[in-house]
Protein backbone atom coordinates (compact mmCIF):
# COMPACT_ATOMS: atom_id res chain seq x y z
CA MET A 1 0.00 0.00 0.00
CA HIS A 2 1.32 3.45 -0.93
CA PRO A 3 2.52 5.28 2.22
CA PHE A 4 0.22 8.26 1.61
CA VAL A 5 -2.82 5.98 1.23
CA HIS A 6 -1.83 4.23 4.46
CA ARG A 7 -1.51 7.61 6.22
CA ILE A 8 -4.95 8.73 5.03
CA ALA A 9 -6.53 5.41 6.02
CA ALA A 10 -5.03 5.59 9.52
CA LEU A 11 -6.14 9.18 10.01
CA ALA A 12 -9.62 8.39 8.68
CA LEU A 13 -9.97 5.36 10.98
CA THR A 14 -9.02 7.43 14.00
CA SER A 15 -11.37 10.21 12.90
CA ILE A 16 -14.28 7.82 12.53
CA LEU A 17 -13.52 6.26 15.89
CA PHE A 18 -13.51 9.61 17.71
CA LEU A 19 -16.52 10.99 15.83
CA THR A 20 -18.74 7.96 16.35
CA ALA A 21 -17.57 7.52 19.92
CA GLY A 22 -18.44 11.11 20.75
CA LYS A 23 -22.04 10.58 19.60
CA ALA A 24 -22.63 7.35 21.47
CA VAL A 25 -20.70 7.42 24.74
CA ALA A 26 -17.44 8.82 25.95
CA VAL A 27 -14.60 6.58 24.86
CA GLU A 28 -11.75 6.08 27.26
CA THR A 29 -8.35 6.84 25.80
CA VAL A 30 -5.03 6.08 27.43
CA ARG A 31 -1.98 8.19 26.72
CA LEU A 32 0.77 6.10 25.13
CA GLY A 33 3.55 8.55 24.33
CA THR A 34 4.49 12.05 23.33
CA VAL A 35 5.39 14.13 20.30
CA THR A 36 6.81 17.60 20.83
CA ALA A 37 7.55 19.93 17.95
CA VAL A 38 7.90 23.45 16.69
CA ILE A 39 5.61 23.88 13.70
CA ASP A 40 6.08 27.10 11.76
CA ALA A 41 7.65 28.71 14.87
CA GLN A 42 4.75 27.58 17.13
CA ALA A 43 5.20 25.09 19.99
CA TYR A 44 3.27 21.82 19.67
CA GLN A 45 2.62 19.22 22.37
CA GLY A 46 0.94 16.02 21.21
CA GLU A 47 0.20 12.59 22.55
CA THR A 48 -0.31 9.19 21.02
CA LEU A 49 -3.35 7.33 22.28
CA ARG A 50 -4.67 3.84 22.90
CA VAL A 51 -8.41 3.13 22.86
CA PRO A 52 -8.65 -0.06 24.95
CA SER A 53 -12.34 -0.73 24.24
CA GLU A 54 -11.65 -0.71 20.48
CA GLY A 55 -8.26 -2.43 20.53
CA THR A 56 -6.83 0.46 18.50
CA ALA A 57 -4.06 3.00 18.91
CA THR A 58 -2.58 6.00 17.14
CA ALA A 59 0.99 4.65 17.37
CA THR A 60 1.24 1.42 15.43
CA LEU A 61 3.62 -1.14 13.98
CA SER A 62 2.33 -2.96 10.88
CA ASN A 63 4.18 -5.87 9.32
CA PHE A 64 3.92 -6.78 5.64
CA GLY A 65 6.31 -9.70 5.20
CA PRO A 66 9.87 -8.37 5.49
CA LEU A 67 8.60 -4.74 5.48
CA SER A 68 7.37 -2.99 8.62
CA ARG A 69 5.61 0.37 8.78
CA VAL A 70 5.63 2.59 11.87
CA SER A 71 2.94 5.25 12.22
CA VAL A 72 3.02 7.77 15.08
CA GLN A 73 -0.12 9.92 15.00
CA ALA A 74 -0.14 12.59 17.71
CA HIS A 75 -3.16 14.58 18.86
CA ALA A 76 -2.63 18.04 20.35
CA VAL A 77 -2.78 17.97 24.14
CA ASP A 78 -4.41 21.39 24.40
CA GLY A 79 -6.60 21.04 21.33
CA LYS A 80 -10.33 21.70 21.43
CA SER A 81 -10.88 18.73 19.14
CA ARG A 82 -8.93 15.47 18.79
CA MET A 83 -9.59 15.72 15.05
CA LYS A 84 -7.63 18.95 14.54
CA ASN A 85 -3.95 19.74 14.98
CA VAL A 86 -2.85 16.15 14.30
CA LEU A 87 0.84 15.53 13.54
CA VAL A 88 1.83 12.24 11.88
CA VAL A 89 5.34 10.75 11.64
CA GLU A 90 5.72 7.58 9.56
CA PHE A 91 8.53 5.45 8.23
CA SER A 92 9.19 1.98 6.84
CA LEU A 93 11.72 -0.64 7.88
CA MET A 94 13.15 -3.39 5.73
CA GLY A 95 13.93 -6.37 7.92
CA ALA A 96 12.85 -7.48 11.34
CA GLY A 97 15.79 -6.57 13.54
CA PRO A 98 16.29 -3.38 15.52
CA ASP A 99 19.11 -2.42 13.14
CA ALA A 100 16.76 -2.44 10.15
CA PRO A 101 17.31 0.72 8.13
CA ALA A 102 14.47 3.25 8.21
CA SER A 103 13.24 4.44 4.82
CA ASP A 104 10.40 6.42 3.25
CA PRO A 105 10.00 8.86 6.15
CA SER A 106 7.00 11.15 5.93
CA ILE A 107 5.52 13.86 8.11
CA SER A 108 2.05 15.34 7.79
CA TRP A 109 0.24 17.98 9.80
CA TRP A 110 -3.51 18.44 9.78
CA PRO A 111 -4.14 21.78 11.53
CA GLU A 112 -7.89 21.90 10.75
CA GLY A 113 -8.61 18.20 10.31
CA MET A 114 -9.23 16.03 7.27
CA GLY A 115 -11.68 18.34 5.51
CA ALA A 116 -9.27 21.26 5.24
CA PRO A 117 -5.87 22.03 3.68
CA PHE A 118 -2.96 20.19 5.29
CA TYR A 119 0.84 19.93 5.02
CA VAL A 120 3.04 17.03 3.90
CA ALA A 121 6.67 16.08 3.48
CA GLY A 122 8.13 12.86 2.22
CA ASP A 123 7.10 10.96 -0.87
CA GLU A 124 4.90 13.82 -2.09
CA GLY A 125 7.23 16.75 -1.66
CA GLY A 126 8.97 18.76 0.99
CA SER A 127 11.86 17.15 2.80
CA VAL A 128 12.28 14.95 5.88
CA GLU A 129 15.29 14.05 8.01
CA LEU A 130 14.49 11.35 10.55
CA THR A 131 16.78 10.06 13.30
CA LEU A 132 15.83 7.02 15.37
CA ASP A 133 17.16 6.92 18.93
CA THR A 134 15.40 3.70 19.95
CA LEU A 135 13.46 1.10 18.03
CA THR A 136 12.15 -2.15 19.45
CA LEU A 137 10.11 -4.31 17.09
CA GLY A 138 9.59 -7.47 19.14
CA GLY A 139 8.03 -7.99 22.54
CA GLU A 140 6.73 -4.58 23.50
CA PRO A 141 7.45 -2.44 20.42
CA GLU A 142 8.50 1.17 20.92
CA THR A 143 10.27 3.97 19.13
CA SER A 144 11.81 7.35 19.84
CA GLY A 145 13.66 9.82 17.71
CA SER A 146 13.72 13.24 16.14
CA PHE A 147 12.78 14.83 12.85
CA VAL A 148 13.32 17.98 10.82
CA ALA A 149 11.07 18.60 7.84
CA ARG A 150 9.86 21.16 5.34
CA LEU A 151 6.12 20.59 4.91
CA CYS A 152 4.28 21.84 1.84
CA ARG A 153 0.59 22.69 1.78
CA LYS A 154 -1.99 20.59 -0.04
CA GLN A 155 -5.43 22.02 -0.70
CA ASP A 156 -6.98 18.55 -0.50
CA MET A 157 -5.95 14.90 -0.74
CA PHE A 158 -5.93 14.93 -4.54
CA SER A 159 -4.03 18.17 -5.19
CA GLU A 160 -0.31 18.54 -5.66
CA PRO A 161 1.74 20.03 -2.80
CA ASP A 162 2.28 23.78 -3.23
CA ALA A 163 6.05 24.36 -3.18
CA ASP A 164 5.41 28.07 -2.57
CA ALA A 165 3.43 27.42 0.63
CA CYS A 166 5.79 25.47 2.86
CA ILE A 167 6.54 25.58 6.59
CA ASP A 168 9.31 24.17 8.77
CA VAL A 169 8.80 21.65 11.54
CA GLU A 170 11.21 19.95 13.92
CA GLY A 171 10.54 17.76 16.90
CA THR A 172 10.86 14.55 18.83
CA PHE A 173 8.71 11.48 19.45
CA ASP A 174 8.79 8.83 22.16
CA THR A 175 6.04 6.21 22.24
CA PRO A 176 5.21 2.55 22.66
CA LEU A 177 3.76 1.01 19.49
CA VAL A 178 0.73 -1.25 19.18
CA ALA A 179 1.23 -4.09 16.68
CA ASP A 180 -1.54 -4.34 14.07
């Protein structure tokens, strides 16, 4: 699956979960980890979440044969809505060991949620530098690291990134991962 399609699917699944949960009953979420960043010169504090009743999480490890995909989706701690101000860090790993090289890093930021313009870097444009400090794939998976990226604005999911509307982001992440 193309990394961008995977990113959209993960964000959509989380969106649906929070939207439907909010209409029925309050859904308990448990904080897994943290993402801190400076996005376009503004401080950002986010957290990855586990939803025990649904068996889902916003920090995941997915295995596709010898390829693994890590997705760290952070929701702003001080946000009025869990669906806005979402920062996503993703990368692939070839191989199963902790020394597996990371590839295809991507960062996306969804300041107003899925129905509004957003920013991307990675396979679609912009630039990403990702450094892993820790990575555990077996047992209780976890990851931590840092990133520096130049994110370019997309009007919608089908438009091209606008190279004239880019912002800088840098930050760190530290979270357990939930295996899919």
